[in-house]
């Protein structure tokens, strides 16, 4: 089996891991292995950002806005030399 070393771990994270391990009656190392095992075994495919936003915004939260009528386009400016 492989092993890893985690450097620069925040003290708060380490403390939370220690408490969580104690609650489950195991060592911090075994708790970390269990967390990694569970997270890495998650087989759900990630959604794209647009799909995640659409899922959060319910159809009832959308506003149907009335668009104003379009005006005719104006003539584009004539570029080039202007007669004097």
PDB file of N, CA and C in Angstrom:
ATOM      1  N   UNK A   1       0.837  -1.186   0.000  1.00  0.00           N
ATOM      2  CA  UNK A   1       0.000   0.000   0.000  1.00  0.00           C
ATOM      3  C   UNK A   1       0.879   1.246   0.000  1.00  0.00           C
ATOM      4  N   UNK A   2       0.360   2.280  -0.607  1.00  0.00           N
ATOM      5  CA  UNK A   2       1.071   3.545  -0.686  1.00  0.00           C
ATOM      6  C   UNK A   2       0.807   4.375   0.565  1.00  0.00           C
ATOM      7  N   UNK A   3       1.678   5.336   0.810  1.00  0.00           N
ATOM      8  CA  UNK A   3       1.471   6.251   1.929  1.00  0.00           C
ATOM      9  C   UNK A   3       1.747   7.664   1.450  1.00  0.00           C
ATOM     10  N   UNK A   4       1.090   8.629   2.103  1.00  0.00           N
ATOM     11  CA  UNK A   4       1.297  10.043   1.773  1.00  0.00           C
ATOM     12  C   UNK A   4       1.537  10.819   3.056  1.00  0.00           C
ATOM     13  N   UNK A   5       2.202  11.959   2.904  1.00  0.00           N
ATOM     14  CA  UNK A   5       2.409  12.887   4.010  1.00  0.00           C
ATOM     15  C   UNK A   5       1.727  14.188   3.630  1.00  0.00           C
ATOM     16  N   UNK A   6       0.952  14.733   4.526  1.00  0.00           N
ATOM     17  CA  UNK A   6       0.260  15.998   4.268  1.00  0.00           C
ATOM     18  C   UNK A   6       0.929  17.080   5.091  1.00  0.00           C
ATOM     19  N   UNK A   7       1.551  18.000   4.404  1.00  0.00           N
ATOM     20  CA  UNK A   7       2.233  19.109   5.083  1.00  0.00           C
ATOM     21  C   UNK A   7       1.338  20.354   5.054  1.00  0.00           C
ATOM     22  N   UNK A   8       1.627  21.288   5.940  1.00  0.00           N
ATOM     23  CA  UNK A   8       0.934  22.583   6.004  1.00  0.00           C
ATOM     24  C   UNK A   8      -0.571  22.427   6.196  1.00  0.00           C
ATOM     25  N   UNK A   9      -0.970  21.466   6.993  1.00  0.00           N
ATOM     26  CA  UNK A   9      -2.373  21.260   7.321  1.00  0.00           C
ATOM     27  C   UNK A   9      -2.760  22.271   8.402  1.00  0.00           C
ATOM     28  N   UNK A  10      -3.858  22.969   8.187  1.00  0.00           N
ATOM     29  CA  UNK A  10      -4.311  23.958   9.173  1.00  0.00           C
ATOM     30  C   UNK A  10      -4.549  23.285  10.513  1.00  0.00           C
ATOM     31  N   UNK A  11      -4.203  23.986  11.584  1.00  0.00           N
ATOM     32  CA  UNK A  11      -4.408  23.448  12.935  1.00  0.00           C
ATOM     33  C   UNK A  11      -5.872  23.131  13.198  1.00  0.00           C
ATOM     34  N   UNK A  12      -6.766  23.970  12.686  1.00  0.00           N
ATOM     35  CA  UNK A  12      -8.200  23.756  12.897  1.00  0.00           C
ATOM     36  C   UNK A  12      -8.651  22.459  12.218  1.00  0.00           C
ATOM     37  N   UNK A  13      -8.167  22.196  11.009  1.00  0.00           N
ATOM     38  CA  UNK A  13      -8.529  20.969  10.293  1.00  0.00           C
ATOM     39  C   UNK A  13      -8.012  19.752  11.057  1.00  0.00           C
ATOM     40  N   UNK A  14      -6.787  19.850  11.538  1.00  0.00           N
ATOM     41  CA  UNK A  14      -6.209  18.738  12.294  1.00  0.00           C
ATOM     42  C   UNK A  14      -7.024  18.466  13.556  1.00  0.00           C
ATOM     43  N   UNK A  15      -7.432  19.527  14.242  1.00  0.00           N
ATOM     44  CA  UNK A  15      -8.229  19.377  15.461  1.00  0.00           C
ATOM     45  C   UNK A  15      -9.582  18.743  15.146  1.00  0.00           C
ATOM     46  N   UNK A  16     -10.212  19.189  14.055  1.00  0.00           N
ATOM     47  CA  UNK A  16     -11.499  18.617  13.672  1.00  0.00           C
ATOM     48  C   UNK A  16     -11.360  17.148  13.295  1.00  0.00           C
ATOM     49  N   UNK A  17     -10.267  16.796  12.634  1.00  0.00           N
ATOM     50  CA  UNK A  17     -10.018  15.401  12.284  1.00  0.00           C
ATOM     51  C   UNK A  17      -9.807  14.560  13.542  1.00  0.00           C
ATOM     52  N   UNK A  18      -9.078  15.121  14.500  1.00  0.00           N
ATOM     53  CA  UNK A  18      -8.836  14.405  15.761  1.00  0.00           C
ATOM     54  C   UNK A  18     -10.153  14.138  16.494  1.00  0.00           C
ATOM     55  N   UNK A  19     -11.019  15.139  16.569  1.00  0.00           N
ATOM     56  CA  UNK A  19     -12.308  14.992  17.259  1.00  0.00           C
ATOM     57  C   UNK A  19     -13.189  13.989  16.512  1.00  0.00           C
ATOM     58  N   UNK A  20     -13.227  14.108  15.206  1.00  0.00           N
ATOM     59  CA  UNK A  20     -14.046  13.187  14.399  1.00  0.00           C
ATOM     60  C   UNK A  20     -13.569  11.744  14.554  1.00  0.00           C
ATOM     61  N   UNK A  21     -12.255  11.553  14.557  1.00  0.00           N
ATOM     62  CA  UNK A  21     -11.694  10.209  14.739  1.00  0.00           C
ATOM     63  C   UNK A  21     -12.079   9.653  16.112  1.00  0.00           C
ATOM     64  N   UNK A  22     -11.995  10.495  17.125  1.00  0.00           N
ATOM     65  CA  UNK A  22     -12.349  10.049  18.479  1.00  0.00           C
ATOM     66  C   UNK A  22     -13.825   9.679  18.557  1.00  0.00           C
ATOM     67  N   UNK A  23     -14.683  10.447  17.883  1.00  0.00           N
ATOM     68  CA  UNK A  23     -16.113  10.140  17.875  1.00  0.00           C
ATOM     69  C   UNK A  23     -16.394   8.783  17.236  1.00  0.00           C
ATOM     70  N   UNK A  24     -15.563   8.412  16.252  1.00  0.00           N
ATOM     71  CA  UNK A  24     -15.751   7.132  15.562  1.00  0.00           C
ATOM     72  C   UNK A  24     -14.891   6.015  16.159  1.00  0.00           C
ATOM     73  N   UNK A  25     -14.150   6.334  17.199  1.00  0.00           N
ATOM     74  CA  UNK A  25     -13.349   5.330  17.880  1.00  0.00           C
ATOM     75  C   UNK A  25     -12.188   4.789  17.066  1.00  0.00           C
ATOM     76  N   UNK A  26     -11.535   5.653  16.316  1.00  0.00           N
ATOM     77  CA  UNK A  26     -10.387   5.214  15.521  1.00  0.00           C
ATOM     78  C   UNK A  26      -9.318   6.291  15.477  1.00  0.00           C
ATOM     79  N   UNK A  27      -8.187   5.950  14.911  1.00  0.00           N
ATOM     80  CA  UNK A  27      -7.068   6.889  14.847  1.00  0.00           C
ATOM     81  C   UNK A  27      -7.339   7.963  13.788  1.00  0.00           C
ATOM     82  N   UNK A  28      -6.592   9.054  13.884  1.00  0.00           N
ATOM     83  CA  UNK A  28      -6.715  10.114  12.886  1.00  0.00           C
ATOM     84  C   UNK A  28      -6.365   9.578  11.497  1.00  0.00           C
ATOM     85  N   UNK A  29      -5.368   8.726  11.436  1.00  0.00           N
ATOM     86  CA  UNK A  29      -4.941   8.154  10.159  1.00  0.00           C
ATOM     87  C   UNK A  29      -6.058   7.324   9.536  1.00  0.00           C
ATOM     88  N   UNK A  30      -6.707   6.490  10.342  1.00  0.00           N
ATOM     89  CA  UNK A  30      -7.804   5.666   9.822  1.00  0.00           C
ATOM     90  C   UNK A  30      -8.991   6.530   9.431  1.00  0.00           C
ATOM     91  N   UNK A  31      -9.244   7.577  10.179  1.00  0.00           N
ATOM     92  CA  UNK A  31     -10.336   8.496   9.851  1.00  0.00           C
ATOM     93  C   UNK A  31     -10.065   9.169   8.510  1.00  0.00           C
ATOM     94  N   UNK A  32      -8.835   9.629   8.310  1.00  0.00           N
ATOM     95  CA  UNK A  32      -8.466  10.269   7.045  1.00  0.00           C
ATOM     96  C   UNK A  32      -8.614   9.276   5.897  1.00  0.00           C
ATOM     97  N   UNK A  33      -8.205   8.022   6.093  1.00  0.00           N
ATOM     98  CA  UNK A  33      -8.357   7.007   5.048  1.00  0.00           C
ATOM     99  C   UNK A  33      -9.830   6.808   4.699  1.00  0.00           C
ATOM    100  N   UNK A  34     -10.675   6.751   5.732  1.00  0.00           N
ATOM    101  CA  UNK A  34     -12.102   6.552   5.503  1.00  0.00           C
ATOM    102  C   UNK A  34     -12.702   7.727   4.728  1.00  0.00           C
ATOM    103  N   UNK A  35     -12.322   8.934   5.094  1.00  0.00           N
ATOM    104  CA  UNK A  35     -12.826  10.129   4.393  1.00  0.00           C
ATOM    105  C   UNK A  35     -12.400  10.078   2.931  1.00  0.00           C
ATOM    106  N   UNK A  36     -11.130   9.802   2.687  1.00  0.00           N
ATOM    107  CA  UNK A  36     -10.638   9.724   1.309  1.00  0.00           C
ATOM    108  C   UNK A  36     -11.334   8.611   0.526  1.00  0.00           C
ATOM    109  N   UNK A  37     -11.513   7.462   1.156  1.00  0.00           N
ATOM    110  CA  UNK A  37     -12.182   6.337   0.496  1.00  0.00           C
ATOM    111  C   UNK A  37     -13.589   6.724   0.060  1.00  0.00           C
ATOM    112  N   UNK A  38     -14.333   7.362   0.976  1.00  0.00           N
ATOM    113  CA  UNK A  38     -15.716   7.732   0.657  1.00  0.00           C
ATOM    114  C   UNK A  38     -15.782   8.798  -0.434  1.00  0.00           C
ATOM    115  N   UNK A  39     -14.921   9.791  -0.362  1.00  0.00           N
ATOM    116  CA  UNK A  39     -14.949  10.860  -1.346  1.00  0.00           C
ATOM    117  C   UNK A  39     -14.524  10.343  -2.725  1.00  0.00           C
ATOM    118  N   UNK A  40     -13.506   9.522  -2.763  1.00  0.00           N
ATOM    119  CA  UNK A  40     -12.994   9.042  -4.037  1.00  0.00           C
ATOM    120  C   UNK A  40     -13.883   7.972  -4.665  1.00  0.00           C
ATOM    121  N   UNK A  41     -14.744   7.343  -3.890  1.00  0.00           N
ATOM    122  CA  UNK A  41     -15.622   6.326  -4.455  1.00  0.00           C
ATOM    123  C   UNK A  41     -16.910   6.926  -5.001  1.00  0.00           C
ATOM    124  N   UNK A  42     -17.100   8.220  -4.819  1.00  0.00           N
ATOM    125  CA  UNK A  42     -18.282   8.897  -5.344  1.00  0.00           C
ATOM    126  C   UNK A  42     -18.197   8.876  -6.866  1.00  0.00           C
ATOM    127  N   UNK A  43     -19.142   8.201  -7.515  1.00  0.00           N
ATOM    128  CA  UNK A  43     -19.075   8.025  -8.960  1.00  0.00           C
ATOM    129  C   UNK A  43     -19.978   8.970  -9.727  1.00  0.00           C
ATOM    130  N   UNK A  44     -20.614   9.918  -9.047  1.00  0.00           N
ATOM    131  CA  UNK A  44     -21.482  10.846  -9.769  1.00  0.00           C
ATOM    132  C   UNK A  44     -20.623  11.753 -10.630  1.00  0.00           C
ATOM    133  N   UNK A  45     -21.076  11.979 -11.834  1.00  0.00           N
ATOM    134  CA  UNK A  45     -20.303  12.828 -12.741  1.00  0.00           C
ATOM    135  C   UNK A  45     -20.560  14.290 -12.408  1.00  0.00           C
ATOM    136  N   UNK A  46     -19.540  15.112 -12.511  1.00  0.00           N
ATOM    137  CA  UNK A  46     -19.722  16.531 -12.198  1.00  0.00           C
ATOM    138  C   UNK A  46     -20.599  17.209 -13.246  1.00  0.00           C
ATOM    139  N   UNK A  47     -21.430  18.132 -12.793  1.00  0.00           N
ATOM    140  CA  UNK A  47     -22.271  18.882 -13.718  1.00  0.00           C
ATOM    141  C   UNK A  47     -21.528  20.131 -14.160  1.00  0.00           C
ATOM    142  N   UNK A  48     -21.921  20.633 -15.294  1.00  0.00           N
ATOM    143  CA  UNK A  48     -21.310  21.888 -15.723  1.00  0.00           C
ATOM    144  C   UNK A  48     -21.945  23.053 -14.968  1.00  0.00           C
ATOM    145  N   UNK A  49     -21.302  24.188 -15.007  1.00  0.00           N
ATOM    146  CA  UNK A  49     -21.741  25.354 -14.234  1.00  0.00           C
ATOM    147  C   UNK A  49     -23.137  25.806 -14.636  1.00  0.00           C
ATOM    148  N   UNK A  50     -23.417  25.825 -15.926  1.00  0.00           N
ATOM    149  CA  UNK A  50     -24.733  26.284 -16.390  1.00  0.00           C
ATOM    150  C   UNK A  50     -25.834  25.377 -15.855  1.00  0.00           C
ATOM    151  N   UNK A  51     -25.604  24.068 -15.861  1.00  0.00           N
ATOM    152  CA  UNK A  51     -26.612  23.133 -15.349  1.00  0.00           C
ATOM    153  C   UNK A  51     -26.816  23.331 -13.849  1.00  0.00           C
ATOM    154  N   UNK A  52     -25.743  23.600 -13.126  1.00  0.00           N
ATOM    155  CA  UNK A  52     -25.860  23.824 -11.684  1.00  0.00           C
ATOM    156  C   UNK A  52     -26.656  25.093 -11.391  1.00  0.00           C
ATOM    157  N   UNK A  53     -26.444  26.128 -12.171  1.00  0.00           N
ATOM    158  CA  UNK A  53     -27.190  27.381 -11.974  1.00  0.00           C
ATOM    159  C   UNK A  53     -28.660  27.171 -12.312  1.00  0.00           C
ATOM    160  N   UNK A  54     -28.933  26.495 -13.434  1.00  0.00           N
ATOM    161  CA  UNK A  54     -30.322  26.232 -13.801  1.00  0.00           C
ATOM    162  C   UNK A  54     -31.034  25.414 -12.731  1.00  0.00           C
ATOM    163  N   UNK A  55     -30.333  24.470 -12.125  1.00  0.00           N
ATOM    164  CA  UNK A  55     -30.944  23.635 -11.095  1.00  0.00           C
ATOM    165  C   UNK A  55     -31.290  24.444  -9.854  1.00  0.00           C
ATOM    166  N   UNK A  56     -30.517  25.481  -9.557  1.00  0.00           N
ATOM    167  CA  UNK A  56     -30.764  26.298  -8.362  1.00  0.00           C
ATOM    168  C   UNK A  56     -31.872  27.319  -8.573  1.00  0.00           C
ATOM    169  N   UNK A  57     -32.042  27.776  -9.800  1.00  0.00           N
ATOM    170  CA  UNK A  57     -33.040  28.811 -10.076  1.00  0.00           C
ATOM    171  C   UNK A  57     -34.316  28.123 -10.524  1.00  0.00           C
ATOM    172  N   UNK A  58     -35.328  28.216  -9.703  1.00  0.00           N
ATOM    173  CA  UNK A  58     -36.590  27.563 -10.040  1.00  0.00           C
ATOM    174  C   UNK A  58     -37.317  28.365 -11.116  1.00  0.00           C
ATOM    175  N   UNK A  59     -38.132  27.689 -11.886  1.00  0.00           N
ATOM    176  CA  UNK A  59     -38.892  28.415 -12.919  1.00  0.00           C
ATOM    177  C   UNK A  59     -39.766  29.514 -12.324  1.00  0.00           C
ATOM    178  N   UNK A  60     -40.242  29.350 -11.108  1.00  0.00           N
ATOM    179  CA  UNK A  60     -41.079  30.362 -10.484  1.00  0.00           C
ATOM    180  C   UNK A  60     -40.322  31.621 -10.102  1.00  0.00           C
ATOM    181  N   UNK A  61     -39.004  31.538 -10.002  1.00  0.00           N
ATOM    182  CA  UNK A  61     -38.206  32.694  -9.609  1.00  0.00           C
ATOM    183  C   UNK A  61     -37.850  33.568 -10.802  1.00  0.00           C
ATOM    184  N   UNK A  62     -38.160  33.101 -11.986  1.00  0.00           N
ATOM    185  CA  UNK A  62     -37.831  33.878 -13.183  1.00  0.00           C
ATOM    186  C   UNK A  62     -38.894  34.934 -13.432  1.00  0.00           C
ATOM    187  N   UNK A  63     -38.482  36.034 -14.021  1.00  0.00           N
ATOM    188  CA  UNK A  63     -39.412  37.106 -14.350  1.00  0.00           C
ATOM    189  C   UNK A  63     -39.572  37.167 -15.860  1.00  0.00           C
ATOM    190  N   UNK A  64     -40.804  37.189 -16.327  1.00  0.00           N
ATOM    191  CA  UNK A  64     -41.072  37.358 -17.750  1.00  0.00           C
ATOM    192  C   UNK A  64     -41.180  38.853 -18.019  1.00  0.00           C
ATOM    193  N   UNK A  65     -40.203  39.386 -18.688  1.00  0.00           N
ATOM    194  CA  UNK A  65     -40.172  40.816 -18.971  1.00  0.00           C
ATOM    195  C   UNK A  65     -40.707  41.078 -20.366  1.00  0.00           C
ATOM    196  N   UNK A  66     -41.455  42.150 -20.498  1.00  0.00           N
ATOM    197  CA  UNK A  66     -41.963  42.533 -21.802  1.00  0.00           C
ATOM    198  C   UNK A  66     -40.892  43.355 -22.502  1.00  0.00           C
ATOM    199  N   UNK A  67     -40.517  42.917 -23.675  1.00  0.00           N
ATOM    200  CA  UNK A  67     -39.470  43.611 -24.413  1.00  0.00           C
ATOM    201  C   UNK A  67     -40.073  44.768 -25.193  1.00  0.00           C
ATOM    202  N   UNK A  68     -39.401  45.919 -25.207  1.00  0.00           N
ATOM    203  CA  UNK A  68     -39.924  47.052 -25.972  1.00  0.00           C
ATOM    204  C   UNK A  68     -39.816  46.776 -27.471  1.00  0.00           C
ATOM    205  N   UNK A  69     -40.687  47.439 -28.248  1.00  0.00           N
ATOM    206  CA  UNK A  69     -40.656  47.285 -29.704  1.00  0.00           C
ATOM    207  C   UNK A  69     -39.334  47.849 -30.232  1.00  0.00           C
ATOM    208  N   UNK A  70     -38.820  47.197 -31.256  1.00  0.00           N
ATOM    209  CA  UNK A  70     -37.561  47.661 -31.845  1.00  0.00           C
ATOM    210  C   UNK A  70     -37.821  48.814 -32.797  1.00  0.00           C
ATOM    211  N   UNK A  71     -36.901  49.747 -32.796  1.00  0.00           N
ATOM    212  CA  UNK A  71     -36.981  50.876 -33.715  1.00  0.00           C
ATOM    213  C   UNK A  71     -36.198  50.532 -34.964  1.00  0.00           C
ATOM    214  N   UNK A  72     -36.520  51.186 -36.074  1.00  0.00           N
ATOM    215  CA  UNK A  72     -35.750  50.907 -37.289  1.00  0.00           C
ATOM    216  C   UNK A  72     -34.286  51.300 -37.094  1.00  0.00           C
ATOM    217  N   UNK A  73     -33.403  50.593 -37.765  1.00  0.00           N
ATOM    218  CA  UNK A  73     -31.985  50.906 -37.641  1.00  0.00           C
ATOM    219  C   UNK A  73     -31.682  52.241 -38.315  1.00  0.00           C
ATOM    220  N   UNK A  74     -30.769  52.971 -37.751  1.00  0.00           N
ATOM    221  CA  UNK A  74     -30.370  54.232 -38.364  1.00  0.00           C
ATOM    222  C   UNK A  74     -29.323  53.963 -39.433  1.00  0.00           C
ATOM    223  N   UNK A  75     -29.133  54.906 -40.276  1.00  0.00           N
ATOM    224  CA  UNK A  75     -28.134  54.775 -41.336  1.00  0.00           C
ATOM    225  C   UNK A  75     -26.738  54.811 -40.720  1.00  0.00           C
ATOM    226  N   UNK A  76     -25.856  53.915 -41.162  1.00  0.00           N
ATOM    227  CA  UNK A  76     -24.503  53.942 -40.619  1.00  0.00           C
ATOM    228  C   UNK A  76     -23.757  55.188 -41.087  1.00  0.00           C
ATOM    229  N   UNK A  77     -22.797  55.662 -40.325  1.00  0.00           N
ATOM    230  CA  UNK A  77     -22.045  56.857 -40.735  1.00  0.00           C
ATOM    231  C   UNK A  77     -21.211  56.559 -41.975  1.00  0.00           C
ATOM    232  N   UNK A  78     -21.050  57.577 -42.789  1.00  0.00           N
ATOM    233  CA  UNK A  78     -20.217  57.473 -43.992  1.00  0.00           C
ATOM    234  C   UNK A  78     -18.803  57.861 -43.621  1.00  0.00           C
ATOM    235  N   UNK A  79     -17.888  56.935 -43.744  1.00  0.00           N
ATOM    236  CA  UNK A  79     -16.499  57.189 -43.404  1.00  0.00           C
ATOM    237  C   UNK A  79     -15.720  57.508 -44.671  1.00  0.00           C
ATOM    238  N   UNK A  80     -14.715  58.236 -44.517  1.00  0.00           N
ATOM    239  CA  UNK A  80     -13.903  58.605 -45.669  1.00  0.00           C
ATOM    240  C   UNK A  80     -13.752  60.109 -45.716  1.00  0.00           C
ATOM    241  N   UNK A  81     -13.275  60.593 -46.857  1.00  0.00           N
ATOM    242  CA  UNK A  81     -13.062  62.043 -46.993  1.00  0.00           C
ATOM    243  C   UNK A  81     -14.387  62.765 -47.182  1.00  0.00           C
ATOM    244  N   UNK A  82     -14.507  63.820 -46.454  1.00  0.00           N
ATOM    245  CA  UNK A  82     -15.686  64.663 -46.571  1.00  0.00           C
ATOM    246  C   UNK A  82     -15.375  65.794 -47.540  1.00  0.00           C
ATOM    247  N   UNK A  83     -16.270  66.076 -48.449  1.00  0.00           N
ATOM    248  CA  UNK A  83     -16.010  67.226 -49.362  1.00  0.00           C
ATOM    249  C   UNK A  83     -16.032  68.521 -48.565  1.00  0.00           C
ATOM    250  N   UNK A  84     -15.135  69.465 -49.017  1.00  0.00           N
ATOM    251  CA  UNK A  84     -15.061  70.768 -48.332  1.00  0.00           C
ATOM    252  C   UNK A  84     -15.964  71.766 -48.943  1.00  0.00           C
TER     253      UNK A  84
END
